[in-house]
N, C-alpha and C. Protein backbone atom coordinates (compact mmCIF):
# COMPACT_ATOMS: atom_id res chain seq x y z
N MET A 1 20.52 -3.55 -16.54
CA MET A 1 19.78 -2.85 -15.51
C MET A 1 18.29 -2.79 -15.84
N ARG A 2 17.97 -2.56 -17.11
CA ARG A 2 16.56 -2.51 -17.52
C ARG A 2 15.88 -3.85 -17.30
N VAL A 3 16.61 -4.94 -17.55
CA VAL A 3 16.05 -6.29 -17.35
C VAL A 3 15.77 -6.52 -15.87
N ILE A 4 16.70 -6.07 -15.02
CA ILE A 4 16.53 -6.24 -13.58
C ILE A 4 15.32 -5.45 -13.09
N ARG A 5 15.19 -4.21 -13.57
CA ARG A 5 14.04 -3.39 -13.17
C ARG A 5 12.74 -4.02 -13.63
N GLY A 6 12.75 -4.55 -14.86
CA GLY A 6 11.55 -5.19 -15.39
C GLY A 6 11.16 -6.42 -14.60
N ALA A 7 12.16 -7.22 -14.23
CA ALA A 7 11.90 -8.43 -13.44
C ALA A 7 11.38 -8.06 -12.06
N GLY A 8 11.98 -7.04 -11.47
CA GLY A 8 11.54 -6.58 -10.15
C GLY A 8 10.10 -6.08 -10.18
N TRP A 9 9.76 -5.36 -11.24
CA TRP A 9 8.39 -4.85 -11.37
C TRP A 9 7.41 -5.99 -11.58
N ALA A 10 7.81 -7.01 -12.33
CA ALA A 10 6.95 -8.17 -12.55
C ALA A 10 6.67 -8.89 -11.24
N VAL A 11 7.71 -9.03 -10.41
CA VAL A 11 7.53 -9.67 -9.10
C VAL A 11 6.59 -8.84 -8.24
N LEU A 12 6.75 -7.52 -8.27
CA LEU A 12 5.87 -6.64 -7.50
C LEU A 12 4.42 -6.78 -7.95
N MET A 13 4.19 -6.86 -9.24
CA MET A 13 2.82 -7.00 -9.76
C MET A 13 2.19 -8.31 -9.32
N VAL A 14 2.98 -9.38 -9.33
CA VAL A 14 2.47 -10.69 -8.91
C VAL A 14 2.13 -10.66 -7.42
N LEU A 15 3.02 -10.09 -6.61
CA LEU A 15 2.77 -10.01 -5.17
C LEU A 15 1.57 -9.12 -4.87
N ALA A 16 1.45 -8.01 -5.59
CA ALA A 16 0.32 -7.11 -5.39
C ALA A 16 -0.99 -7.81 -5.71
N ALA A 17 -1.00 -8.55 -6.81
CA ALA A 17 -2.21 -9.28 -7.20
C ALA A 17 -2.54 -10.36 -6.17
N ALA A 18 -1.53 -11.08 -5.72
CA ALA A 18 -1.76 -12.17 -4.76
C ALA A 18 -2.30 -11.64 -3.44
N VAL A 19 -1.63 -10.62 -2.89
CA VAL A 19 -2.07 -10.06 -1.60
C VAL A 19 -3.42 -9.36 -1.75
N GLY A 20 -3.59 -8.61 -2.84
CA GLY A 20 -4.85 -7.90 -3.06
C GLY A 20 -6.03 -8.83 -3.16
N LEU A 21 -5.90 -9.88 -3.96
CA LEU A 21 -7.00 -10.83 -4.14
C LEU A 21 -7.27 -11.60 -2.86
N TYR A 22 -6.20 -12.01 -2.17
CA TYR A 22 -6.38 -12.78 -0.94
C TYR A 22 -7.05 -11.95 0.15
N SER A 23 -6.73 -10.67 0.20
CA SER A 23 -7.31 -9.80 1.23
C SER A 23 -8.78 -9.51 0.99
N LEU A 24 -9.25 -9.70 -0.23
CA LEU A 24 -10.67 -9.50 -0.51
C LEU A 24 -11.54 -10.55 0.16
N ARG A 25 -10.91 -11.55 0.77
CA ARG A 25 -11.69 -12.59 1.47
C ARG A 25 -12.52 -12.00 2.62
N TYR A 26 -12.12 -10.82 3.10
CA TYR A 26 -12.86 -10.20 4.19
C TYR A 26 -14.25 -9.72 3.76
N LEU A 27 -14.50 -9.71 2.46
CA LEU A 27 -15.83 -9.36 1.97
C LEU A 27 -16.80 -10.53 2.04
N LEU A 28 -16.28 -11.72 2.26
CA LEU A 28 -17.11 -12.92 2.31
C LEU A 28 -17.84 -13.00 3.66
N PRO A 29 -19.04 -13.59 3.66
CA PRO A 29 -19.79 -13.72 4.92
C PRO A 29 -19.01 -14.47 5.99
N HIS A 30 -18.32 -15.53 5.58
CA HIS A 30 -17.49 -16.30 6.50
C HIS A 30 -16.05 -16.23 6.00
N VAL A 31 -15.22 -15.48 6.70
CA VAL A 31 -13.86 -15.20 6.25
C VAL A 31 -12.97 -16.44 6.42
N PRO A 32 -12.43 -16.96 5.31
CA PRO A 32 -11.49 -18.09 5.44
C PRO A 32 -10.13 -17.58 5.90
N HIS A 33 -9.53 -18.28 6.82
CA HIS A 33 -8.20 -17.94 7.35
C HIS A 33 -8.11 -16.49 7.82
N PRO A 34 -8.99 -16.05 8.72
CA PRO A 34 -8.90 -14.66 9.20
C PRO A 34 -7.62 -14.43 9.98
N ALA A 35 -7.11 -13.20 9.92
CA ALA A 35 -5.91 -12.86 10.70
C ALA A 35 -6.23 -12.99 12.18
N ARG A 36 -5.25 -13.44 12.95
CA ARG A 36 -5.46 -13.63 14.38
C ARG A 36 -5.25 -12.32 15.13
N LEU A 37 -6.10 -11.36 14.83
CA LEU A 37 -6.02 -10.03 15.44
C LEU A 37 -7.37 -9.69 16.07
N THR A 38 -7.33 -8.93 17.15
CA THR A 38 -8.57 -8.59 17.84
C THR A 38 -9.50 -7.75 16.98
N ASN A 39 -8.94 -6.96 16.06
CA ASN A 39 -9.77 -6.12 15.19
C ASN A 39 -10.71 -6.95 14.31
N VAL A 40 -10.34 -8.20 14.04
CA VAL A 40 -11.21 -9.05 13.23
C VAL A 40 -12.56 -9.24 13.92
N VAL A 41 -12.53 -9.23 15.25
CA VAL A 41 -13.76 -9.43 16.02
C VAL A 41 -14.35 -8.10 16.48
N THR A 42 -13.50 -7.23 17.03
CA THR A 42 -14.00 -6.02 17.67
C THR A 42 -14.32 -4.88 16.70
N HIS A 43 -13.65 -4.84 15.57
CA HIS A 43 -13.87 -3.77 14.59
C HIS A 43 -13.96 -4.36 13.19
N ARG A 44 -14.83 -5.34 13.05
CA ARG A 44 -14.95 -6.08 11.79
C ARG A 44 -15.32 -5.18 10.62
N ALA A 45 -16.27 -4.26 10.82
CA ALA A 45 -16.72 -3.40 9.72
C ALA A 45 -15.58 -2.53 9.20
N ALA A 46 -14.86 -1.89 10.12
CA ALA A 46 -13.75 -1.02 9.71
C ALA A 46 -12.65 -1.83 9.05
N LEU A 47 -12.35 -3.00 9.59
CA LEU A 47 -11.32 -3.85 9.00
C LEU A 47 -11.72 -4.30 7.61
N THR A 48 -12.99 -4.62 7.42
CA THR A 48 -13.47 -5.07 6.11
C THR A 48 -13.34 -3.97 5.08
N VAL A 49 -13.76 -2.74 5.45
CA VAL A 49 -13.65 -1.61 4.52
C VAL A 49 -12.19 -1.34 4.19
N HIS A 50 -11.35 -1.35 5.22
CA HIS A 50 -9.92 -1.09 4.99
C HIS A 50 -9.31 -2.16 4.08
N ALA A 51 -9.59 -3.43 4.38
CA ALA A 51 -9.01 -4.52 3.59
C ALA A 51 -9.47 -4.46 2.14
N ALA A 52 -10.77 -4.20 1.94
CA ALA A 52 -11.32 -4.16 0.58
C ALA A 52 -10.75 -2.97 -0.20
N ALA A 53 -10.76 -1.79 0.42
CA ALA A 53 -10.28 -0.58 -0.28
C ALA A 53 -8.78 -0.66 -0.56
N ALA A 54 -8.01 -1.10 0.42
CA ALA A 54 -6.57 -1.22 0.21
C ALA A 54 -6.26 -2.27 -0.84
N SER A 55 -7.06 -3.33 -0.90
CA SER A 55 -6.86 -4.36 -1.93
C SER A 55 -7.10 -3.80 -3.32
N ILE A 56 -8.14 -2.98 -3.46
CA ILE A 56 -8.42 -2.35 -4.76
C ILE A 56 -7.26 -1.46 -5.18
N ALA A 57 -6.75 -0.66 -4.24
CA ALA A 57 -5.60 0.20 -4.55
C ALA A 57 -4.38 -0.63 -4.93
N LEU A 58 -4.19 -1.72 -4.23
CA LEU A 58 -3.05 -2.60 -4.50
C LEU A 58 -3.16 -3.26 -5.86
N LEU A 59 -4.37 -3.63 -6.26
CA LEU A 59 -4.58 -4.28 -7.55
C LEU A 59 -4.47 -3.30 -8.72
N ILE A 60 -4.90 -2.07 -8.50
CA ILE A 60 -4.88 -1.07 -9.57
C ILE A 60 -3.49 -0.45 -9.74
N GLY A 61 -2.85 -0.17 -8.62
CA GLY A 61 -1.63 0.63 -8.61
C GLY A 61 -0.55 0.26 -9.62
N PRO A 62 -0.10 -0.99 -9.66
CA PRO A 62 1.02 -1.32 -10.55
C PRO A 62 0.75 -1.02 -12.02
N TRP A 63 -0.49 -1.19 -12.44
CA TRP A 63 -0.83 -0.98 -13.86
C TRP A 63 -0.76 0.49 -14.25
N GLN A 64 -0.89 1.38 -13.28
CA GLN A 64 -0.87 2.81 -13.56
C GLN A 64 0.51 3.30 -13.97
N PHE A 65 1.54 2.51 -13.69
CA PHE A 65 2.90 2.93 -14.01
C PHE A 65 3.39 2.40 -15.36
N LEU A 66 2.56 1.62 -16.03
CA LEU A 66 2.95 1.07 -17.33
C LEU A 66 2.76 2.12 -18.41
N ALA A 67 3.87 2.57 -19.00
CA ALA A 67 3.82 3.66 -19.98
C ALA A 67 2.95 3.32 -21.19
N GLY A 68 2.97 2.05 -21.60
CA GLY A 68 2.18 1.66 -22.77
C GLY A 68 0.70 1.86 -22.56
N ILE A 69 0.21 1.51 -21.39
CA ILE A 69 -1.21 1.69 -21.09
C ILE A 69 -1.56 3.17 -20.99
N ARG A 70 -0.69 3.94 -20.35
CA ARG A 70 -0.94 5.38 -20.24
C ARG A 70 -1.02 6.04 -21.60
N ALA A 71 -0.13 5.62 -22.52
CA ALA A 71 -0.08 6.24 -23.84
C ALA A 71 -1.24 5.82 -24.73
N ARG A 72 -1.57 4.51 -24.69
CA ARG A 72 -2.60 3.99 -25.59
C ARG A 72 -4.02 4.18 -25.06
N TYR A 73 -4.16 4.14 -23.75
CA TYR A 73 -5.50 4.21 -23.17
C TYR A 73 -5.53 5.26 -22.06
N PRO A 74 -5.36 6.53 -22.40
CA PRO A 74 -5.34 7.57 -21.36
C PRO A 74 -6.63 7.65 -20.56
N ALA A 75 -7.76 7.40 -21.21
CA ALA A 75 -9.04 7.46 -20.49
C ALA A 75 -9.11 6.36 -19.43
N VAL A 76 -8.59 5.18 -19.77
CA VAL A 76 -8.55 4.08 -18.80
C VAL A 76 -7.62 4.44 -17.64
N HIS A 77 -6.48 5.04 -17.96
CA HIS A 77 -5.53 5.45 -16.93
C HIS A 77 -6.18 6.45 -15.97
N ARG A 78 -6.91 7.42 -16.51
CA ARG A 78 -7.55 8.42 -15.65
C ARG A 78 -8.64 7.80 -14.80
N ALA A 79 -9.46 6.92 -15.39
CA ALA A 79 -10.54 6.28 -14.64
C ALA A 79 -9.98 5.39 -13.53
N ALA A 80 -8.94 4.64 -13.87
CA ALA A 80 -8.31 3.78 -12.87
C ALA A 80 -7.67 4.62 -11.77
N GLY A 81 -7.11 5.76 -12.15
CA GLY A 81 -6.51 6.65 -11.16
C GLY A 81 -7.53 7.18 -10.17
N ARG A 82 -8.71 7.50 -10.67
CA ARG A 82 -9.78 7.97 -9.78
C ARG A 82 -10.20 6.86 -8.83
N CYS A 83 -10.31 5.65 -9.35
CA CYS A 83 -10.66 4.50 -8.50
C CYS A 83 -9.60 4.27 -7.43
N TYR A 84 -8.34 4.39 -7.84
CA TYR A 84 -7.24 4.22 -6.89
C TYR A 84 -7.33 5.26 -5.78
N ALA A 85 -7.54 6.52 -6.17
CA ALA A 85 -7.60 7.60 -5.19
C ALA A 85 -8.77 7.40 -4.22
N LEU A 86 -9.93 7.04 -4.73
CA LEU A 86 -11.08 6.79 -3.87
C LEU A 86 -10.82 5.61 -2.93
N ALA A 87 -10.16 4.58 -3.44
CA ALA A 87 -9.83 3.43 -2.61
C ALA A 87 -8.88 3.82 -1.48
N VAL A 88 -7.90 4.67 -1.79
CA VAL A 88 -6.97 5.13 -0.75
C VAL A 88 -7.71 5.93 0.32
N VAL A 89 -8.61 6.82 -0.11
CA VAL A 89 -9.37 7.61 0.86
C VAL A 89 -10.18 6.71 1.78
N ALA A 90 -10.92 5.77 1.19
CA ALA A 90 -11.74 4.85 1.99
C ALA A 90 -10.87 3.97 2.88
N GLY A 91 -9.76 3.47 2.33
CA GLY A 91 -8.86 2.63 3.09
C GLY A 91 -8.23 3.37 4.24
N TRP A 92 -7.89 4.64 4.02
CA TRP A 92 -7.27 5.44 5.08
C TRP A 92 -8.25 5.74 6.20
N VAL A 93 -9.46 6.19 5.84
CA VAL A 93 -10.46 6.51 6.87
C VAL A 93 -10.72 5.29 7.75
N ALA A 94 -10.92 4.13 7.12
CA ALA A 94 -11.19 2.92 7.89
C ALA A 94 -9.97 2.50 8.71
N SER A 95 -8.78 2.77 8.18
CA SER A 95 -7.56 2.34 8.87
C SER A 95 -7.36 3.06 10.20
N VAL A 96 -7.90 4.27 10.32
CA VAL A 96 -7.75 5.01 11.57
C VAL A 96 -8.39 4.25 12.72
N PHE A 97 -9.61 3.74 12.48
CA PHE A 97 -10.30 2.98 13.52
C PHE A 97 -9.56 1.68 13.85
N VAL A 98 -8.99 1.07 12.81
CA VAL A 98 -8.27 -0.18 13.02
C VAL A 98 -6.93 0.07 13.72
N ALA A 99 -6.21 1.10 13.28
CA ALA A 99 -4.87 1.38 13.83
C ALA A 99 -4.92 1.77 15.30
N VAL A 100 -5.92 2.55 15.67
CA VAL A 100 -6.03 2.99 17.06
C VAL A 100 -6.11 1.80 18.01
N HIS A 101 -6.70 0.71 17.52
CA HIS A 101 -6.87 -0.48 18.36
C HIS A 101 -5.92 -1.61 17.93
N ALA A 102 -4.79 -1.24 17.34
CA ALA A 102 -3.85 -2.25 16.88
C ALA A 102 -3.37 -3.11 18.04
N GLN A 103 -3.21 -4.38 17.74
CA GLN A 103 -2.75 -5.31 18.76
C GLN A 103 -1.31 -4.96 19.17
N THR A 104 -0.98 -5.18 20.40
CA THR A 104 0.33 -4.99 21.05
C THR A 104 0.56 -3.55 21.50
N GLY A 105 -0.40 -2.64 21.33
CA GLY A 105 -0.30 -1.36 21.99
C GLY A 105 0.06 -0.14 21.17
N MET A 106 0.53 0.89 21.88
CA MET A 106 0.68 2.23 21.30
C MET A 106 1.73 2.31 20.21
N LEU A 107 2.82 1.59 20.35
CA LEU A 107 3.89 1.66 19.34
C LEU A 107 3.40 1.16 18.00
N ALA A 108 2.66 0.06 18.00
CA ALA A 108 2.10 -0.46 16.75
C ALA A 108 1.05 0.51 16.21
N SER A 109 0.20 1.04 17.09
CA SER A 109 -0.82 2.00 16.65
C SER A 109 -0.17 3.22 16.01
N ALA A 110 0.89 3.73 16.62
CA ALA A 110 1.58 4.90 16.07
C ALA A 110 2.16 4.61 14.70
N GLY A 111 2.73 3.42 14.54
CA GLY A 111 3.30 3.05 13.24
C GLY A 111 2.26 3.01 12.15
N PHE A 112 1.12 2.39 12.44
CA PHE A 112 0.06 2.29 11.44
C PHE A 112 -0.62 3.63 11.19
N LEU A 113 -0.78 4.44 12.23
CA LEU A 113 -1.38 5.77 12.05
C LEU A 113 -0.48 6.66 11.20
N MET A 114 0.82 6.58 11.43
CA MET A 114 1.76 7.38 10.64
C MET A 114 1.79 6.89 9.19
N LEU A 115 1.70 5.59 8.99
CA LEU A 115 1.60 5.05 7.63
C LEU A 115 0.38 5.62 6.93
N GLY A 116 -0.76 5.60 7.61
CA GLY A 116 -1.98 6.12 7.01
C GLY A 116 -1.88 7.59 6.66
N LEU A 117 -1.26 8.37 7.56
CA LEU A 117 -1.11 9.80 7.32
C LEU A 117 -0.22 10.06 6.10
N CYS A 118 0.88 9.33 6.00
CA CYS A 118 1.77 9.48 4.84
C CYS A 118 1.08 9.01 3.56
N TRP A 119 0.30 7.96 3.67
CA TRP A 119 -0.42 7.39 2.52
C TRP A 119 -1.40 8.39 1.92
N ILE A 120 -2.26 8.95 2.77
CA ILE A 120 -3.26 9.89 2.27
C ILE A 120 -2.61 11.20 1.81
N THR A 121 -1.51 11.59 2.47
CA THR A 121 -0.82 12.82 2.07
C THR A 121 -0.18 12.68 0.70
N ALA A 122 0.54 11.59 0.49
CA ALA A 122 1.20 11.37 -0.81
C ALA A 122 0.19 11.30 -1.94
N THR A 123 -0.92 10.62 -1.69
CA THR A 123 -1.96 10.49 -2.72
C THR A 123 -2.61 11.83 -3.00
N SER A 124 -2.88 12.59 -1.95
CA SER A 124 -3.51 13.90 -2.12
C SER A 124 -2.61 14.86 -2.89
N VAL A 125 -1.31 14.85 -2.57
CA VAL A 125 -0.37 15.72 -3.28
C VAL A 125 -0.27 15.31 -4.75
N ALA A 126 -0.31 14.00 -5.01
CA ALA A 126 -0.27 13.51 -6.40
C ALA A 126 -1.48 14.02 -7.17
N ILE A 127 -2.65 13.98 -6.55
CA ILE A 127 -3.87 14.46 -7.19
C ILE A 127 -3.78 15.97 -7.44
N TRP A 128 -3.27 16.69 -6.46
CA TRP A 128 -3.14 18.14 -6.59
C TRP A 128 -2.25 18.50 -7.78
N HIS A 129 -1.15 17.78 -7.94
CA HIS A 129 -0.23 18.07 -9.04
C HIS A 129 -0.86 17.79 -10.40
N ILE A 130 -1.64 16.70 -10.50
CA ILE A 130 -2.23 16.39 -11.81
C ILE A 130 -3.33 17.37 -12.16
N THR A 131 -4.02 17.92 -11.16
CA THR A 131 -5.05 18.94 -11.45
C THR A 131 -4.41 20.23 -11.95
N ARG A 132 -3.14 20.42 -11.63
CA ARG A 132 -2.41 21.60 -12.12
C ARG A 132 -1.65 21.31 -13.41
N GLY A 133 -1.76 20.06 -13.90
CA GLY A 133 -1.12 19.70 -15.15
C GLY A 133 0.35 19.37 -15.03
N ASP A 134 0.84 19.19 -13.79
CA ASP A 134 2.26 18.86 -13.57
C ASP A 134 2.40 17.34 -13.54
N VAL A 135 2.54 16.74 -14.71
CA VAL A 135 2.59 15.28 -14.82
C VAL A 135 3.83 14.68 -14.15
N PRO A 136 5.03 15.23 -14.35
CA PRO A 136 6.21 14.64 -13.69
C PRO A 136 6.08 14.59 -12.16
N ALA A 137 5.62 15.70 -11.58
CA ALA A 137 5.45 15.73 -10.12
C ALA A 137 4.36 14.74 -9.69
N HIS A 138 3.31 14.64 -10.48
CA HIS A 138 2.24 13.68 -10.20
C HIS A 138 2.79 12.26 -10.15
N ARG A 139 3.62 11.92 -11.11
CA ARG A 139 4.19 10.57 -11.15
C ARG A 139 5.08 10.31 -9.94
N ARG A 140 5.88 11.30 -9.57
CA ARG A 140 6.76 11.11 -8.41
C ARG A 140 5.95 10.86 -7.15
N TRP A 141 4.88 11.60 -6.95
CA TRP A 141 4.07 11.42 -5.75
C TRP A 141 3.25 10.14 -5.81
N MET A 142 2.91 9.70 -7.00
CA MET A 142 2.20 8.42 -7.11
C MET A 142 3.15 7.25 -6.79
N ILE A 143 4.43 7.40 -7.13
CA ILE A 143 5.42 6.39 -6.73
C ILE A 143 5.46 6.30 -5.21
N ARG A 144 5.48 7.46 -4.56
CA ARG A 144 5.48 7.48 -3.10
C ARG A 144 4.19 6.86 -2.55
N SER A 145 3.08 7.21 -3.15
CA SER A 145 1.79 6.67 -2.70
C SER A 145 1.75 5.16 -2.82
N PHE A 146 2.17 4.63 -3.97
CA PHE A 146 2.07 3.18 -4.14
C PHE A 146 3.10 2.44 -3.30
N ALA A 147 4.24 3.07 -3.04
CA ALA A 147 5.21 2.44 -2.14
C ALA A 147 4.59 2.21 -0.77
N LEU A 148 3.73 3.13 -0.35
CA LEU A 148 3.04 2.99 0.93
C LEU A 148 1.87 2.01 0.82
N THR A 149 1.21 1.98 -0.32
CA THR A 149 0.17 0.97 -0.55
C THR A 149 0.79 -0.42 -0.44
N ALA A 150 2.00 -0.56 -0.96
CA ALA A 150 2.69 -1.86 -0.95
C ALA A 150 3.12 -2.30 0.44
N ALA A 151 2.88 -1.47 1.45
CA ALA A 151 3.12 -1.90 2.83
C ALA A 151 2.27 -3.12 3.16
N ALA A 152 1.15 -3.28 2.45
CA ALA A 152 0.32 -4.48 2.63
C ALA A 152 1.10 -5.74 2.27
N ILE A 153 2.00 -5.61 1.31
CA ILE A 153 2.83 -6.76 0.90
C ILE A 153 3.94 -6.99 1.91
N THR A 154 4.69 -5.93 2.21
CA THR A 154 5.84 -6.10 3.10
C THR A 154 5.40 -6.48 4.52
N LEU A 155 4.23 -6.01 4.94
CA LEU A 155 3.71 -6.41 6.25
C LEU A 155 3.60 -7.92 6.34
N ARG A 156 3.05 -8.53 5.31
CA ARG A 156 2.86 -9.98 5.32
C ARG A 156 4.19 -10.73 5.19
N ILE A 157 5.13 -10.17 4.47
CA ILE A 157 6.45 -10.80 4.37
C ILE A 157 7.13 -10.82 5.73
N TYR A 158 7.08 -9.68 6.44
CA TYR A 158 7.73 -9.61 7.74
C TYR A 158 7.00 -10.46 8.78
N LEU A 159 5.68 -10.51 8.70
CA LEU A 159 4.93 -11.36 9.64
C LEU A 159 5.28 -12.83 9.42
N ALA A 160 5.38 -13.24 8.14
CA ALA A 160 5.75 -14.62 7.84
C ALA A 160 7.17 -14.91 8.32
N ALA A 161 8.07 -13.95 8.13
CA ALA A 161 9.45 -14.14 8.58
C ALA A 161 9.53 -14.24 10.10
N ALA A 162 8.75 -13.40 10.79
CA ALA A 162 8.74 -13.44 12.25
C ALA A 162 8.20 -14.78 12.75
N LEU A 163 7.18 -15.28 12.07
CA LEU A 163 6.61 -16.56 12.45
C LEU A 163 7.61 -17.69 12.19
N ALA A 164 8.29 -17.62 11.05
CA ALA A 164 9.27 -18.66 10.71
C ALA A 164 10.43 -18.68 11.69
N MET A 165 10.80 -17.50 12.20
CA MET A 165 11.92 -17.41 13.15
C MET A 165 11.46 -17.57 14.60
N ASN A 166 10.16 -17.82 14.75
CA ASN A 166 9.58 -18.06 16.08
C ASN A 166 9.82 -16.88 17.03
N LEU A 167 9.68 -15.66 16.47
CA LEU A 167 9.86 -14.46 17.29
C LEU A 167 8.61 -14.20 18.12
N ASP A 168 8.79 -13.57 19.25
CA ASP A 168 7.68 -13.22 20.12
C ASP A 168 6.81 -12.18 19.40
N PHE A 169 5.53 -12.50 19.21
CA PHE A 169 4.63 -11.61 18.48
C PHE A 169 4.53 -10.25 19.16
N LEU A 170 4.50 -10.22 20.49
CA LEU A 170 4.37 -8.97 21.23
C LEU A 170 5.57 -8.05 21.00
N VAL A 171 6.70 -8.62 20.68
CA VAL A 171 7.90 -7.84 20.39
C VAL A 171 7.99 -7.50 18.91
N ALA A 172 7.68 -8.48 18.06
CA ALA A 172 7.87 -8.30 16.61
C ALA A 172 6.83 -7.37 15.99
N TYR A 173 5.58 -7.47 16.42
CA TYR A 173 4.51 -6.74 15.73
C TYR A 173 4.68 -5.22 15.79
N PRO A 174 5.02 -4.62 16.94
CA PRO A 174 5.24 -3.17 16.95
C PRO A 174 6.36 -2.74 16.00
N VAL A 175 7.41 -3.55 15.91
CA VAL A 175 8.51 -3.23 14.99
C VAL A 175 8.03 -3.34 13.54
N ILE A 176 7.26 -4.37 13.26
CA ILE A 176 6.76 -4.58 11.89
C ILE A 176 5.81 -3.46 11.48
N ALA A 177 5.10 -2.89 12.44
CA ALA A 177 4.18 -1.78 12.14
C ALA A 177 4.92 -0.59 11.53
N TRP A 178 6.18 -0.45 11.83
CA TRP A 178 7.03 0.59 11.23
C TRP A 178 7.85 0.05 10.07
N LEU A 179 8.36 -1.16 10.25
CA LEU A 179 9.24 -1.75 9.24
C LEU A 179 8.51 -2.03 7.93
N CYS A 180 7.21 -2.22 7.97
CA CYS A 180 6.46 -2.56 6.76
C CYS A 180 6.35 -1.40 5.78
N TRP A 181 6.61 -0.16 6.26
CA TRP A 181 6.43 0.97 5.34
C TRP A 181 7.60 1.96 5.28
N VAL A 182 8.36 2.09 6.34
CA VAL A 182 9.46 3.07 6.30
C VAL A 182 10.49 2.72 5.23
N PRO A 183 10.98 1.46 5.14
CA PRO A 183 11.90 1.13 4.05
C PRO A 183 11.27 1.32 2.67
N ASN A 184 9.97 1.07 2.54
CA ASN A 184 9.29 1.30 1.27
C ASN A 184 9.38 2.78 0.87
N ALA A 185 9.12 3.65 1.85
CA ALA A 185 9.17 5.09 1.58
C ALA A 185 10.58 5.53 1.21
N VAL A 186 11.57 5.00 1.92
CA VAL A 186 12.96 5.32 1.60
C VAL A 186 13.32 4.80 0.21
N GLY A 187 12.90 3.57 -0.09
CA GLY A 187 13.17 2.99 -1.40
C GLY A 187 12.56 3.80 -2.52
N ALA A 188 11.36 4.32 -2.29
CA ALA A 188 10.70 5.16 -3.30
C ALA A 188 11.51 6.43 -3.56
N GLU A 189 12.03 7.04 -2.48
CA GLU A 189 12.83 8.25 -2.64
C GLU A 189 14.11 7.97 -3.42
N VAL A 190 14.74 6.84 -3.12
CA VAL A 190 15.96 6.47 -3.85
C VAL A 190 15.64 6.28 -5.32
N TRP A 191 14.55 5.58 -5.61
CA TRP A 191 14.13 5.35 -7.01
C TRP A 191 13.90 6.67 -7.73
N ILE A 192 13.21 7.59 -7.06
CA ILE A 192 12.89 8.89 -7.67
C ILE A 192 14.18 9.67 -7.93
N ARG A 193 15.09 9.70 -6.97
CA ARG A 193 16.34 10.44 -7.14
C ARG A 193 17.19 9.85 -8.26
N MET A 194 17.23 8.55 -8.35
CA MET A 194 18.00 7.91 -9.43
C MET A 194 17.39 8.22 -10.78
N ALA A 195 16.08 8.24 -10.87
CA ALA A 195 15.41 8.55 -12.13
C ALA A 195 15.69 9.99 -12.55
N LEU A 196 15.69 10.91 -11.57
CA LEU A 196 15.96 12.30 -11.88
C LEU A 196 17.39 12.49 -12.36
N ARG A 197 18.33 11.75 -11.78
CA ARG A 197 19.73 11.84 -12.20
C ARG A 197 19.93 11.31 -13.62
N ARG A 198 19.20 10.22 -13.94
CA ARG A 198 19.32 9.65 -15.30
C ARG A 198 18.82 10.64 -16.35
N ARG A 199 17.83 11.45 -15.98
CA ARG A 199 17.25 12.39 -16.94
C ARG A 199 18.00 13.71 -17.00
N ALA A 200 18.86 13.93 -16.00
CA ALA A 200 19.59 15.22 -15.93
C ALA A 200 20.68 15.27 -17.01
């Protein structure tokens, strides 16, 4: 079981790095392979801030869960945590402008807005717990926070799958706006509950 968890985490780190680095392309003057979404044109500034900030959170997040780094380099862990939190705040604020104008209408907008609300809430609660010195609760809420950050990964997986299956974008995208994060949130809760049972 430990080997499976380790392999799964390694895959997650690779995917996070790949998606995070690729999404930073929006910082370039001429974006290579821009997403075919209206926000790329109509709300470029907000999309750029969201993509850059979310990418930073995605790149930092996995390393924060490595016990060896936390134990050996606590100052690095704290500094990286602050960067992660600031990236989430910036990414969330920018995401509101992007989500409101999400392609395919209100259902997709609602999905992305709810994702953003859960994202900033989980991160804020995690910060609140660490300021009170409650490390276990902080870790649990950071798991929830990063599961929502990882929606950037699952979004692209589902979009690629929809494209491969030749699904109608107008039908698939609103569903993906919810599917990209709800299973992640559920998975995080299952992980947390299993960890608590192992320690009981």
